[in-house]
Amino acid sequence: MFRDELYKPDTIEDFHDESEQNADDLPRLFERPPTSSHADVPVHHPYLTMPDAEHVSASDLAMTRLVVGIFAFETTRTIRDRVHKLRGG
């Protein structure tokens, strides 16, 4: 029933007319807007400012100490193992 109504000749022509109109509208979506509608307003100072310098927090210091400690431990262990192998152990 719906299919019979859809495939009537006048319905198909209406559909084709609508699709042609929509196809003509599609390229206009990608056109650049006119620049004459934008007004330039001079300013005396920039609106963007530099952010304040971040301060080091206690958690940053703790994490740095942890990373340096692990790095020092692993470096010491690697050197000790190589020396042990060189001495014949």
Protein backbone atom coordinates (compact mmCIF):
# COMPACT_ATOMS: atom_id res chain seq x y z
CA MET A 1 0.00 0.00 0.00
CA PHE A 2 2.73 2.46 0.96
CA ARG A 3 4.82 1.27 -1.99
CA ASP A 4 1.94 1.83 -4.41
CA GLU A 5 1.51 5.36 -3.07
CA LEU A 6 5.24 6.04 -3.30
CA TYR A 7 5.63 4.92 -6.89
CA LYS A 8 2.81 6.99 -8.35
CA PRO A 9 4.11 9.13 -11.25
CA ASP A 10 3.27 12.47 -9.63
CA THR A 11 4.92 11.43 -6.37
CA ILE A 12 8.10 10.39 -8.16
CA GLU A 13 8.20 13.69 -10.07
CA ASP A 14 7.78 15.62 -6.83
CA PHE A 15 10.58 13.61 -5.30
CA HIS A 16 12.89 14.33 -8.25
CA ASP A 17 12.05 18.03 -8.13
CA GLU A 18 12.83 18.19 -4.43
CA SER A 19 16.09 16.29 -4.87
CA GLU A 20 17.18 18.67 -7.65
CA GLN A 21 16.44 21.69 -5.47
CA ASN A 22 18.37 20.17 -2.57
CA ALA A 23 21.25 19.29 -4.88
CA ASP A 24 21.39 22.94 -5.97
CA ASP A 25 21.50 24.04 -2.33
CA LEU A 26 24.39 21.74 -1.45
CA PRO A 27 27.22 23.75 -3.11
CA ARG A 28 26.05 26.86 -1.28
CA LEU A 29 26.84 25.16 2.03
CA PHE A 30 30.53 25.14 1.15
CA GLU A 31 30.80 28.72 -0.08
CA ARG A 32 32.82 31.15 2.00
CA PRO A 33 30.81 33.80 3.80
CA PRO A 34 31.25 37.37 2.61
CA THR A 35 33.96 39.21 4.52
CA SER A 36 32.34 42.61 4.17
CA SER A 37 29.91 41.76 6.98
CA HIS A 38 32.71 41.55 9.56
CA ALA A 39 33.68 44.84 11.14
CA ASP A 40 37.26 45.35 12.32
CA VAL A 41 37.45 46.93 15.74
CA PRO A 42 40.85 48.32 16.79
CA VAL A 43 42.04 47.46 20.29
CA HIS A 44 44.75 49.05 22.36
CA HIS A 45 46.00 45.94 24.12
CA PRO A 46 45.79 42.24 23.42
CA TYR A 47 43.01 40.32 25.09
CA LEU A 48 45.23 37.29 25.61
CA THR A 49 47.72 37.44 28.42
CA MET A 50 50.50 35.11 29.39
CA PRO A 51 49.50 32.60 32.04
CA ASP A 52 51.14 32.84 35.42
CA ALA A 53 54.11 30.58 35.99
CA GLU A 54 53.10 27.33 37.61
CA HIS A 55 54.42 26.72 41.08
CA VAL A 56 56.00 23.46 42.13
CA SER A 57 53.76 21.55 44.49
CA ALA A 58 54.69 19.00 47.13
CA SER A 59 53.31 16.16 45.00
CA ASP A 60 55.54 17.22 42.09
CA LEU A 61 58.58 17.10 44.37
CA ALA A 62 57.59 13.71 45.76
CA MET A 63 57.13 12.27 42.27
CA THR A 64 60.48 13.67 41.15
CA ARG A 65 62.22 12.13 44.16
CA LEU A 66 60.56 8.78 43.48
CA VAL A 67 61.61 8.75 39.82
CA VAL A 68 65.19 9.81 40.62
CA GLY A 69 65.38 7.19 43.38
CA ILE A 70 64.19 4.38 41.08
CA PHE A 71 66.57 5.51 38.36
CA ALA A 72 69.51 5.63 40.79
CA PHE A 73 68.64 2.20 42.23
CA GLU A 74 68.38 0.56 38.79
CA THR A 75 71.59 2.22 37.57
CA THR A 76 73.47 1.05 40.68
CA ARG A 77 72.09 -2.48 40.31
CA THR A 78 73.06 -2.65 36.63
CA ILE A 79 76.62 -1.43 37.32
CA ARG A 80 77.01 -3.83 40.26
CA ASP A 81 75.82 -6.79 38.11
CA ARG A 82 78.25 -5.93 35.30
CA VAL A 83 81.16 -5.57 37.71
CA HIS A 84 80.22 -8.91 39.30
CA LYS A 85 80.20 -10.62 35.88
CA LEU A 86 83.54 -9.05 34.92
CA ARG A 87 85.15 -10.34 38.11
CA GLY A 88 84.05 -13.84 37.24
CA GLY A 89 81.09 -14.19 39.52
